[in-house]
C-alpha cells in the first residue's frame, strides 16, 4: 500500500477534502437532512477513490512524459517502483469502488458518478491540446463540495455551488503557479499550459485574477447564511493564504513554488474548513 500512496500523493488530498466536509455539513445544517456517520464515511470513501483514480491515471498516462522531464523522472512509474499495468489496474479498481460507493448514497449520486469520473480522468489528456488544462483540474476538484452536499440532500443549491466555484478558481490559480516549473519543458515537448503559452509574467497575472474570483466565492455565501465572526476569520485566513503564495513566487524567482503550492494551500483549505465547522456549531448548536 505504501507504494500506491506514493503513486497518488495521498497527502495532496488535503486540498479538496476539507471542502467536501464543508459541502457535507452545509447539507446537514441548512436542511432537514439528519447527520449520519455511515453517510460521512461513504462521502470520504468517494473522495479517496476518485482522487486515487485521477492521480494514478495521470501518472499512467504521463509516464513517458515524466521520464523525459528532469523534475519528474523519479516518479514511481518512470523509476520502476510501480509498473504501468499495476497503475492501470489501480485506476480501474478505484473507479469501480467509487461507482459502487455512490450506489449506497443515493440515486442521483450514482447517476452522476460516471460524469464525475470522466471529468477527473479527462484532465490528464488536456495538456496535450489546451492550455486550459489548469481549469479542468480545478473543475475536477470543485466537484467535492457540491458532490458532498448532494450526497446529504439529493439536490443542488446555490451556496455549495459557490464553494465549488471557489475551489475551481483556487485550484486553477495555484496549478498555474505549480506549472511555472515546467515552462521550458512544456514548450520543448509541445505540451500546453498557461506558463508555456503566456509566459511567466502573464501566467502569474492570470493566477492573481483567478484567486480574486476564488476569494469572492467564499465571501458571497455571507449574503445567504448568517455566519458568525468565526467564518469571517476563515475568509481572512483563506484570502491571506492566496496573497501570501503570490508574494512567495516572483517572475524572476520561482524557487519557492513548492512552498506556495503544497504548504500554503494546504493550510488555507484546512483552516477555512475548520472555521466553517466551528461557525456551524456556534450558530446551530450542531454536534456529532
C-alpha atoms as a PDB file:
ATOM      1  CA  UNK A   1       0.000   0.000   0.000  1.00  0.00           C
ATOM      2  CA  UNK A   2       2.904   2.351   0.710  1.00  0.00           C
ATOM      3  CA  UNK A   3       3.981   2.445  -2.934  1.00  0.00           C
ATOM      4  CA  UNK A   4       0.427   3.193  -4.070  1.00  0.00           C
ATOM      5  CA  UNK A   5       0.146   6.039  -1.536  1.00  0.00           C
ATOM      6  CA  UNK A   6       3.344   7.390  -3.079  1.00  0.00           C
ATOM      7  CA  UNK A   7       1.894   6.960  -6.570  1.00  0.00           C
ATOM      8  CA  UNK A   8      -1.210   9.028  -5.821  1.00  0.00           C
ATOM      9  CA  UNK A   9       0.455  11.537  -3.436  1.00  0.00           C
ATOM     10  CA  UNK A  10      -2.191  10.853  -0.834  1.00  0.00           C
ATOM     11  CA  UNK A  11      -1.131  13.896   1.219  1.00  0.00           C
ATOM     12  CA  UNK A  12      -2.364  16.190  -1.555  1.00  0.00           C
ATOM     13  CA  UNK A  13      -5.943  15.098  -0.777  1.00  0.00           C
ATOM     14  CA  UNK A  14      -5.818  17.929   1.750  1.00  0.00           C
ATOM     15  CA  UNK A  15      -6.765  20.387  -0.996  1.00  0.00           C
ATOM     16  CA  UNK A  16     -10.289  19.202  -1.825  1.00  0.00           C
ATOM     17  CA  UNK A  17     -11.172  17.062   1.206  1.00  0.00           C
ATOM     18  CA  UNK A  18     -11.867  19.995   3.587  1.00  0.00           C
ATOM     19  CA  UNK A  19     -14.245  21.475   1.008  1.00  0.00           C
ATOM     20  CA  UNK A  20     -16.027  18.132   0.769  1.00  0.00           C
ATOM     21  CA  UNK A  21     -16.584  18.340   4.534  1.00  0.00           C
ATOM     22  CA  UNK A  22     -17.929  21.872   4.074  1.00  0.00           C
ATOM     23  CA  UNK A  23     -20.409  20.602   1.486  1.00  0.00           C
ATOM     24  CA  UNK A  24     -21.424  17.681   3.679  1.00  0.00           C
ATOM     25  CA  UNK A  25     -22.088  19.679   6.836  1.00  0.00           C
ATOM     26  CA  UNK A  26     -23.671  22.501   4.858  1.00  0.00           C
ATOM     27  CA  UNK A  27     -26.253  19.961   3.729  1.00  0.00           C
ATOM     28  CA  UNK A  28     -26.822  18.816   7.294  1.00  0.00           C
ATOM     29  CA  UNK A  29     -27.157  22.213   8.984  1.00  0.00           C
ATOM     30  CA  UNK A  30     -29.147  24.072   6.298  1.00  0.00           C
ATOM     31  CA  UNK A  31     -31.726  21.384   5.522  1.00  0.00           C
ATOM     32  CA  UNK A  32     -33.762  18.809   7.410  1.00  0.00           C
ATOM     33  CA  UNK A  33     -31.260  16.098   6.483  1.00  0.00           C
ATOM     34  CA  UNK A  34     -30.004  14.240   9.562  1.00  0.00           C
ATOM     35  CA  UNK A  35     -26.344  13.674  10.322  1.00  0.00           C
ATOM     36  CA  UNK A  36     -25.404  10.058   9.619  1.00  0.00           C
ATOM     37  CA  UNK A  37     -21.981   8.616  10.321  1.00  0.00           C
ATOM     38  CA  UNK A  38     -22.222   5.978   7.621  1.00  0.00           C
ATOM     39  CA  UNK A  39     -23.022   8.660   5.028  1.00  0.00           C
ATOM     40  CA  UNK A  40     -20.000  10.719   6.076  1.00  0.00           C
ATOM     41  CA  UNK A  41     -17.810   7.627   5.709  1.00  0.00           C
ATOM     42  CA  UNK A  42     -19.264   6.943   2.249  1.00  0.00           C
ATOM     43  CA  UNK A  43     -18.545  10.527   1.142  1.00  0.00           C
ATOM     44  CA  UNK A  44     -14.965  10.293   2.407  1.00  0.00           C
ATOM     45  CA  UNK A  45     -14.520   6.973   0.601  1.00  0.00           C
ATOM     46  CA  UNK A  46     -15.802   8.549  -2.622  1.00  0.00           C
ATOM     47  CA  UNK A  47     -13.235  11.316  -2.239  1.00  0.00           C
ATOM     48  CA  UNK A  48     -10.437   8.806  -1.729  1.00  0.00           C
ATOM     49  CA  UNK A  49     -11.466   6.527  -4.607  1.00  0.00           C
ATOM     50  CA  UNK A  50     -11.999   9.388  -7.089  1.00  0.00           C
ATOM     51  CA  UNK A  51      -8.701  11.028  -6.277  1.00  0.00           C
ATOM     52  CA  UNK A  52      -6.807   7.731  -6.337  1.00  0.00           C
ATOM     53  CA  UNK A  53      -8.208   7.009  -9.784  1.00  0.00           C
ATOM     54  CA  UNK A  54      -7.466  10.507 -11.093  1.00  0.00           C
ATOM     55  CA  UNK A  55      -3.910  10.748  -9.809  1.00  0.00           C
ATOM     56  CA  UNK A  56      -2.927   7.194 -10.753  1.00  0.00           C
ATOM     57  CA  UNK A  57      -4.390   7.669 -14.242  1.00  0.00           C
ATOM     58  CA  UNK A  58      -2.414  10.892 -14.616  1.00  0.00           C
ATOM     59  CA  UNK A  59       0.769   9.073 -13.658  1.00  0.00           C
ATOM     60  CA  UNK A  60      -0.076   6.203 -16.013  1.00  0.00           C
ATOM     61  CA  UNK A  61      -0.876   8.435 -18.986  1.00  0.00           C
ATOM     62  CA  UNK A  62       2.094  10.768 -18.426  1.00  0.00           C
ATOM     63  CA  UNK A  63       4.661   8.069 -17.702  1.00  0.00           C
ATOM     64  CA  UNK A  64       6.648   8.708 -20.904  1.00  0.00           C
ATOM     65  CA  UNK A  65       6.491  12.482 -20.446  1.00  0.00           C
ATOM     66  CA  UNK A  66       7.544  12.162 -16.799  1.00  0.00           C
ATOM     67  CA  UNK A  67      10.513  10.031 -17.827  1.00  0.00           C
ATOM     68  CA  UNK A  68      11.828  12.855 -20.048  1.00  0.00           C
ATOM     69  CA  UNK A  69      11.337  15.627 -17.503  1.00  0.00           C
ATOM     70  CA  UNK A  70      14.260  16.011 -15.039  1.00  0.00           C
ATOM     71  CA  UNK A  71      11.802  17.223 -12.401  1.00  0.00           C
ATOM     72  CA  UNK A  72       9.572  14.142 -12.641  1.00  0.00           C
ATOM     73  CA  UNK A  73      11.778  11.299 -13.899  1.00  0.00           C
ATOM     74  CA  UNK A  74      11.965   9.808 -10.394  1.00  0.00           C
ATOM     75  CA  UNK A  75       8.203   9.428 -10.082  1.00  0.00           C
ATOM     76  CA  UNK A  76       7.041   5.922  -9.307  1.00  0.00           C
ATOM     77  CA  UNK A  77       6.353   4.588 -12.808  1.00  0.00           C
ATOM     78  CA  UNK A  78       9.434   6.018 -14.599  1.00  0.00           C
ATOM     79  CA  UNK A  79      11.580   4.933 -11.639  1.00  0.00           C
ATOM     80  CA  UNK A  80      10.175   1.395 -11.789  1.00  0.00           C
ATOM     81  CA  UNK A  81       8.630   1.444  -8.312  1.00  0.00           C
ATOM     82  CA  UNK A  82       5.175   0.756  -9.784  1.00  0.00           C
ATOM     83  CA  UNK A  83       4.604  -0.827 -13.193  1.00  0.00           C
ATOM     84  CA  UNK A  84       2.307   0.772 -15.757  1.00  0.00           C
ATOM     85  CA  UNK A  85      -0.030  -2.244 -15.584  1.00  0.00           C
ATOM     86  CA  UNK A  86      -0.202  -2.063 -11.798  1.00  0.00           C
ATOM     87  CA  UNK A  87      -1.106   1.619 -12.018  1.00  0.00           C
ATOM     88  CA  UNK A  88      -3.828   0.962 -14.601  1.00  0.00           C
ATOM     89  CA  UNK A  89      -5.327  -1.861 -12.521  1.00  0.00           C
ATOM     90  CA  UNK A  90      -5.293   0.501  -9.531  1.00  0.00           C
ATOM     91  CA  UNK A  91      -7.183   3.097 -11.605  1.00  0.00           C
ATOM     92  CA  UNK A  92      -9.858   0.622 -12.715  1.00  0.00           C
ATOM     93  CA  UNK A  93     -10.295  -0.759  -9.194  1.00  0.00           C
ATOM     94  CA  UNK A  94     -10.768   2.711  -7.700  1.00  0.00           C
ATOM     95  CA  UNK A  95     -13.237   3.702 -10.436  1.00  0.00           C
ATOM     96  CA  UNK A  96     -15.342   0.633  -9.683  1.00  0.00           C
ATOM     97  CA  UNK A  97     -15.183   1.252  -5.937  1.00  0.00           C
ATOM     98  CA  UNK A  98     -16.217   4.866  -6.496  1.00  0.00           C
ATOM     99  CA  UNK A  99     -19.305   3.907  -8.512  1.00  0.00           C
ATOM    100  CA  UNK A 100     -20.269   1.144  -6.063  1.00  0.00           C
ATOM    101  CA  UNK A 101     -19.934   3.539  -3.120  1.00  0.00           C
ATOM    102  CA  UNK A 102     -22.174   6.163  -4.773  1.00  0.00           C
ATOM    103  CA  UNK A 103     -24.842   3.481  -5.194  1.00  0.00           C
ATOM    104  CA  UNK A 104     -25.047   3.265  -1.390  1.00  0.00           C
ATOM    105  CA  UNK A 105     -25.505   7.045  -1.076  1.00  0.00           C
ATOM    106  CA  UNK A 106     -28.439   7.940  -3.327  1.00  0.00           C
ATOM    107  CA  UNK A 107     -29.680   7.500  -6.881  1.00  0.00           C
ATOM    108  CA  UNK A 108     -28.612  10.951  -8.068  1.00  0.00           C
ATOM    109  CA  UNK A 109     -25.035  10.383  -6.907  1.00  0.00           C
ATOM    110  CA  UNK A 110     -24.999   7.044  -8.711  1.00  0.00           C
ATOM    111  CA  UNK A 111     -26.271   8.586 -11.952  1.00  0.00           C
ATOM    112  CA  UNK A 112     -23.739  11.417 -11.736  1.00  0.00           C
ATOM    113  CA  UNK A 113     -20.776   9.185 -10.850  1.00  0.00           C
ATOM    114  CA  UNK A 114     -19.717   8.413 -14.470  1.00  0.00           C
ATOM    115  CA  UNK A 115     -19.737  12.144 -15.244  1.00  0.00           C
ATOM    116  CA  UNK A 116     -17.584  12.868 -12.206  1.00  0.00           C
ATOM    117  CA  UNK A 117     -15.124  10.141 -13.175  1.00  0.00           C
ATOM    118  CA  UNK A 118     -14.984  11.395 -16.763  1.00  0.00           C
ATOM    119  CA  UNK A 119     -14.065  14.905 -15.597  1.00  0.00           C
ATOM    120  CA  UNK A 120     -11.336  13.855 -13.159  1.00  0.00           C
ATOM    121  CA  UNK A 121      -9.815  11.364 -15.623  1.00  0.00           C
ATOM    122  CA  UNK A 122     -10.165  13.594 -18.685  1.00  0.00           C
ATOM    123  CA  UNK A 123      -7.895  16.209 -17.100  1.00  0.00           C
ATOM    124  CA  UNK A 124      -4.875  14.019 -17.807  1.00  0.00           C
ATOM    125  CA  UNK A 125      -5.417  14.366 -21.574  1.00  0.00           C
ATOM    126  CA  UNK A 126      -5.959  18.117 -21.655  1.00  0.00           C
ATOM    127  CA  UNK A 127      -2.348  19.296 -21.511  1.00  0.00           C
ATOM    128  CA  UNK A 128      -1.902  17.648 -24.897  1.00  0.00           C
ATOM    129  CA  UNK A 129      -4.265  20.044 -26.652  1.00  0.00           C
ATOM    130  CA  UNK A 130      -5.268  23.027 -24.470  1.00  0.00           C
ATOM    131  CA  UNK A 131      -3.671  25.489 -22.062  1.00  0.00           C
ATOM    132  CA  UNK A 132      -6.959  25.417 -20.136  1.00  0.00           C
ATOM    133  CA  UNK A 133      -5.833  22.164 -18.521  1.00  0.00           C
ATOM    134  CA  UNK A 134      -5.472  24.017 -15.194  1.00  0.00           C
ATOM    135  CA  UNK A 135      -9.160  24.921 -15.278  1.00  0.00           C
ATOM    136  CA  UNK A 136     -10.113  21.309 -15.981  1.00  0.00           C
ATOM    137  CA  UNK A 137      -8.108  20.230 -12.928  1.00  0.00           C
ATOM    138  CA  UNK A 138      -9.912  22.899 -10.919  1.00  0.00           C
ATOM    139  CA  UNK A 139     -13.244  21.640 -12.244  1.00  0.00           C
ATOM    140  CA  UNK A 140     -12.427  18.112 -11.114  1.00  0.00           C
ATOM    141  CA  UNK A 141     -11.625  19.167  -7.552  1.00  0.00           C
ATOM    142  CA  UNK A 142     -14.569  21.568  -7.491  1.00  0.00           C
ATOM    143  CA  UNK A 143     -16.925  18.587  -7.539  1.00  0.00           C
ATOM    144  CA  UNK A 144     -16.048  17.932  -3.875  1.00  0.00           C
ATOM    145  CA  UNK A 145     -18.342  20.419  -2.081  1.00  0.00           C
ATOM    146  CA  UNK A 146     -21.334  20.101  -4.405  1.00  0.00           C
ATOM    147  CA  UNK A 147     -20.952  16.318  -4.559  1.00  0.00           C
ATOM    148  CA  UNK A 148     -20.890  16.012  -0.776  1.00  0.00           C
ATOM    149  CA  UNK A 149     -23.898  18.329  -0.494  1.00  0.00           C
ATOM    150  CA  UNK A 150     -25.861  16.215  -2.991  1.00  0.00           C
ATOM    151  CA  UNK A 151     -24.901  13.090  -1.043  1.00  0.00           C
ATOM    152  CA  UNK A 152     -26.657  14.539   2.008  1.00  0.00           C
ATOM    153  CA  UNK A 153     -29.627  16.282   0.396  1.00  0.00           C
ATOM    154  CA  UNK A 154     -30.147  14.721  -3.036  1.00  0.00           C
ATOM    155  CA  UNK A 155     -30.431  18.137  -4.732  1.00  0.00           C
ATOM    156  CA  UNK A 156     -28.442  21.229  -5.783  1.00  0.00           C
ATOM    157  CA  UNK A 157     -28.215  24.580  -4.004  1.00  0.00           C
ATOM    158  CA  UNK A 158     -26.532  27.913  -4.744  1.00  0.00           C
ATOM    159  CA  UNK A 159     -24.236  28.023  -1.689  1.00  0.00           C
ATOM    160  CA  UNK A 160     -22.397  24.717  -2.295  1.00  0.00           C
ATOM    161  CA  UNK A 161     -22.134  25.736  -5.961  1.00  0.00           C
ATOM    162  CA  UNK A 162     -20.379  28.920  -4.808  1.00  0.00           C
ATOM    163  CA  UNK A 163     -17.919  26.824  -2.820  1.00  0.00           C
ATOM    164  CA  UNK A 164     -17.373  24.673  -5.905  1.00  0.00           C
ATOM    165  CA  UNK A 165     -16.528  27.782  -7.916  1.00  0.00           C
ATOM    166  CA  UNK A 166     -14.196  28.866  -5.112  1.00  0.00           C
ATOM    167  CA  UNK A 167     -12.334  25.564  -5.458  1.00  0.00           C
ATOM    168  CA  UNK A 168     -12.316  25.779  -9.265  1.00  0.00           C
ATOM    169  CA  UNK A 169     -10.701  29.238  -9.312  1.00  0.00           C
ATOM    170  CA  UNK A 170      -8.417  28.494  -6.359  1.00  0.00           C
ATOM    171  CA  UNK A 171      -7.030  25.234  -7.770  1.00  0.00           C
ATOM    172  CA  UNK A 172      -6.716  26.623 -11.308  1.00  0.00           C
ATOM    173  CA  UNK A 173      -4.743  29.573  -9.944  1.00  0.00           C
ATOM    174  CA  UNK A 174      -2.301  27.588  -7.857  1.00  0.00           C
ATOM    175  CA  UNK A 175      -1.865  24.925 -10.554  1.00  0.00           C
ATOM    176  CA  UNK A 176      -0.715  27.678 -12.899  1.00  0.00           C
ATOM    177  CA  UNK A 177       1.883  28.639 -10.283  1.00  0.00           C
ATOM    178  CA  UNK A 178       2.963  24.994  -9.978  1.00  0.00           C
ATOM    179  CA  UNK A 179       3.284  24.708 -13.771  1.00  0.00           C
ATOM    180  CA  UNK A 180       5.842  27.534 -13.840  1.00  0.00           C
ATOM    181  CA  UNK A 181       8.473  24.891 -13.078  1.00  0.00           C
ATOM    182  CA  UNK A 182       7.868  23.193 -16.439  1.00  0.00           C
ATOM    183  CA  UNK A 183       7.514  26.234 -18.688  1.00  0.00           C
ATOM    184  CA  UNK A 184      10.544  25.437 -20.869  1.00  0.00           C
ATOM    185  CA  UNK A 185       9.966  21.682 -20.859  1.00  0.00           C
ATOM    186  CA  UNK A 186       6.324  22.088 -21.915  1.00  0.00           C
ATOM    187  CA  UNK A 187       7.349  24.271 -24.850  1.00  0.00           C
ATOM    188  CA  UNK A 188      10.001  21.798 -25.972  1.00  0.00           C
ATOM    189  CA  UNK A 189       7.600  18.853 -25.780  1.00  0.00           C
ATOM    190  CA  UNK A 190       4.730  20.855 -27.339  1.00  0.00           C
ATOM    191  CA  UNK A 191       2.624  20.432 -24.213  1.00  0.00           C
ATOM    192  CA  UNK A 192       0.051  23.069 -23.356  1.00  0.00           C
ATOM    193  CA  UNK A 193      -0.013  25.118 -20.173  1.00  0.00           C
ATOM    194  CA  UNK A 194      -0.680  28.731 -19.251  1.00  0.00           C
ATOM    195  CA  UNK A 195       3.003  29.472 -18.448  1.00  0.00           C
ATOM    196  CA  UNK A 196       4.167  27.903 -21.726  1.00  0.00           C
ATOM    197  CA  UNK A 197       1.517  29.824 -23.667  1.00  0.00           C
ATOM    198  CA  UNK A 198       1.554  33.229 -21.951  1.00  0.00           C
ATOM    199  CA  UNK A 199       4.949  33.333 -20.258  1.00  0.00           C
ATOM    200  CA  UNK A 200       5.681  33.633 -16.540  1.00  0.00           C
ATOM    201  CA  UNK A 201       4.603  37.269 -16.101  1.00  0.00           C
ATOM    202  CA  UNK A 202       1.195  36.888 -17.730  1.00  0.00           C
ATOM    203  CA  UNK A 203       0.652  33.468 -16.149  1.00  0.00           C
ATOM    204  CA  UNK A 204       1.127  34.955 -12.673  1.00  0.00           C
ATOM    205  CA  UNK A 205      -1.237  37.818 -13.513  1.00  0.00           C
ATOM    206  CA  UNK A 206      -3.917  35.340 -14.613  1.00  0.00           C
ATOM    207  CA  UNK A 207      -3.357  33.336 -11.434  1.00  0.00           C
ATOM    208  CA  UNK A 208      -3.982  36.503  -9.400  1.00  0.00           C
ATOM    209  CA  UNK A 209      -7.263  37.125 -11.243  1.00  0.00           C
ATOM    210  CA  UNK A 210      -8.420  33.554 -10.634  1.00  0.00           C
ATOM    211  CA  UNK A 211      -7.606  33.834  -6.944  1.00  0.00           C
ATOM    212  CA  UNK A 212      -9.558  37.082  -6.687  1.00  0.00           C
ATOM    213  CA  UNK A 213     -12.584  35.228  -8.065  1.00  0.00           C
ATOM    214  CA  UNK A 214     -11.958  32.420  -5.577  1.00  0.00           C
ATOM    215  CA  UNK A 215     -11.914  34.893  -2.701  1.00  0.00           C
ATOM    216  CA  UNK A 216     -15.191  36.406  -3.887  1.00  0.00           C
ATOM    217  CA  UNK A 217     -16.787  32.952  -3.954  1.00  0.00           C
ATOM    218  CA  UNK A 218     -16.026  32.329  -0.271  1.00  0.00           C
ATOM    219  CA  UNK A 219     -17.277  35.821   0.611  1.00  0.00           C
ATOM    220  CA  UNK A 220     -20.612  35.764  -1.278  1.00  0.00           C
ATOM    221  CA  UNK A 221     -22.134  32.990   0.928  1.00  0.00           C
ATOM    222  CA  UNK A 222     -22.366  35.541   3.783  1.00  0.00           C
ATOM    223  CA  UNK A 223     -25.334  37.028   1.898  1.00  0.00           C
ATOM    224  CA  UNK A 224     -27.161  33.679   2.099  1.00  0.00           C
ATOM    225  CA  UNK A 225     -26.212  32.402   5.568  1.00  0.00           C
ATOM    226  CA  UNK A 226     -25.992  34.397   8.850  1.00  0.00           C
ATOM    227  CA  UNK A 227     -22.416  33.397   9.691  1.00  0.00           C
ATOM    228  CA  UNK A 228     -20.726  34.364  12.947  1.00  0.00           C
ATOM    229  CA  UNK A 229     -17.369  36.094  13.332  1.00  0.00           C
ATOM    230  CA  UNK A 230     -15.586  32.728  13.145  1.00  0.00           C
ATOM    231  CA  UNK A 231     -16.426  32.309   9.471  1.00  0.00           C
ATOM    232  CA  UNK A 232     -15.040  35.779   8.769  1.00  0.00           C
ATOM    233  CA  UNK A 233     -11.754  34.689  10.338  1.00  0.00           C
ATOM    234  CA  UNK A 234     -11.780  31.759   7.906  1.00  0.00           C
ATOM    235  CA  UNK A 235     -12.324  34.128   4.988  1.00  0.00           C
ATOM    236  CA  UNK A 236      -9.479  36.369   6.183  1.00  0.00           C
ATOM    237  CA  UNK A 237      -7.071  33.438   6.516  1.00  0.00           C
ATOM    238  CA  UNK A 238      -8.035  31.974   3.138  1.00  0.00           C
ATOM    239  CA  UNK A 239      -7.533  35.335   1.419  1.00  0.00           C
ATOM    240  CA  UNK A 240      -4.241  35.869   3.259  1.00  0.00           C
ATOM    241  CA  UNK A 241      -3.019  32.480   2.020  1.00  0.00           C
ATOM    242  CA  UNK A 242      -3.924  33.438  -1.545  1.00  0.00           C
ATOM    243  CA  UNK A 243      -1.978  36.680  -1.243  1.00  0.00           C
ATOM    244  CA  UNK A 244       0.959  35.046   0.526  1.00  0.00           C
ATOM    245  CA  UNK A 245       1.612  32.491  -2.196  1.00  0.00           C
ATOM    246  CA  UNK A 246       1.831  35.302  -4.745  1.00  0.00           C
ATOM    247  CA  UNK A 247       4.371  37.046  -2.534  1.00  0.00           C
ATOM    248  CA  UNK A 248       6.439  33.849  -2.462  1.00  0.00           C
ATOM    249  CA  UNK A 249       6.612  33.413  -6.236  1.00  0.00           C
ATOM    250  CA  UNK A 250       8.071  36.133  -8.449  1.00  0.00           C
ATOM    251  CA  UNK A 251       8.635  36.207 -12.229  1.00  0.00           C
ATOM    252  CA  UNK A 252      12.387  36.197 -11.588  1.00  0.00           C
ATOM    253  CA  UNK A 253      12.316  33.738  -8.679  1.00  0.00           C
ATOM    254  CA  UNK A 254      10.187  30.578  -8.667  1.00  0.00           C
ATOM    255  CA  UNK A 255      12.332  28.713  -6.145  1.00  0.00           C
ATOM    256  CA  UNK A 256       9.508  28.734  -3.574  1.00  0.00           C
ATOM    257  CA  UNK A 257       6.843  27.249  -5.843  1.00  0.00           C
ATOM    258  CA  UNK A 258       6.529  24.062  -3.799  1.00  0.00           C
ATOM    259  CA  UNK A 259       6.046  26.027  -0.574  1.00  0.00           C
ATOM    260  CA  UNK A 260       3.369  28.137  -2.246  1.00  0.00           C
ATOM    261  CA  UNK A 261       1.723  25.088  -3.827  1.00  0.00           C
ATOM    262  CA  UNK A 262       1.576  22.492  -1.062  1.00  0.00           C
ATOM    263  CA  UNK A 263       2.135  24.133   2.311  1.00  0.00           C
ATOM    264  CA  UNK A 264       0.266  27.413   1.854  1.00  0.00           C
ATOM    265  CA  UNK A 265      -2.732  25.936   0.043  1.00  0.00           C
ATOM    266  CA  UNK A 266      -2.923  23.015   2.438  1.00  0.00           C
ATOM    267  CA  UNK A 267      -3.202  25.363   5.405  1.00  0.00           C
ATOM    268  CA  UNK A 268      -5.696  27.535   3.500  1.00  0.00           C
ATOM    269  CA  UNK A 269      -8.193  24.719   2.948  1.00  0.00           C
ATOM    270  CA  UNK A 270      -7.856  23.164   6.414  1.00  0.00           C
ATOM    271  CA  UNK A 271      -8.146  26.401   8.410  1.00  0.00           C
ATOM    272  CA  UNK A 272     -11.014  27.671   6.274  1.00  0.00           C
ATOM    273  CA  UNK A 273     -12.942  24.398   6.717  1.00  0.00           C
ATOM    274  CA  UNK A 274     -12.311  24.385  10.479  1.00  0.00           C
ATOM    275  CA  UNK A 275     -13.645  27.928  10.757  1.00  0.00           C
ATOM    276  CA  UNK A 276     -16.733  26.926   8.757  1.00  0.00           C
ATOM    277  CA  UNK A 277     -17.382  23.934  11.034  1.00  0.00           C
ATOM    278  CA  UNK A 278     -16.826  25.875  14.266  1.00  0.00           C
ATOM    279  CA  UNK A 279     -19.160  28.577  12.970  1.00  0.00           C
ATOM    280  CA  UNK A 280     -21.783  25.937  12.184  1.00  0.00           C
ATOM    281  CA  UNK A 281     -21.529  24.593  15.744  1.00  0.00           C
ATOM    282  CA  UNK A 282     -21.904  28.048  17.265  1.00  0.00           C
ATOM    283  CA  UNK A 283     -24.876  29.050  15.106  1.00  0.00           C
ATOM    284  CA  UNK A 284     -26.852  25.825  15.252  1.00  0.00           C
ATOM    285  CA  UNK A 285     -25.581  24.019  18.377  1.00  0.00           C
ATOM    286  CA  UNK A 286     -24.915  21.163  15.972  1.00  0.00           C
ATOM    287  CA  UNK A 287     -22.981  18.252  17.374  1.00  0.00           C
ATOM    288  CA  UNK A 288     -21.990  14.848  16.048  1.00  0.00           C
END
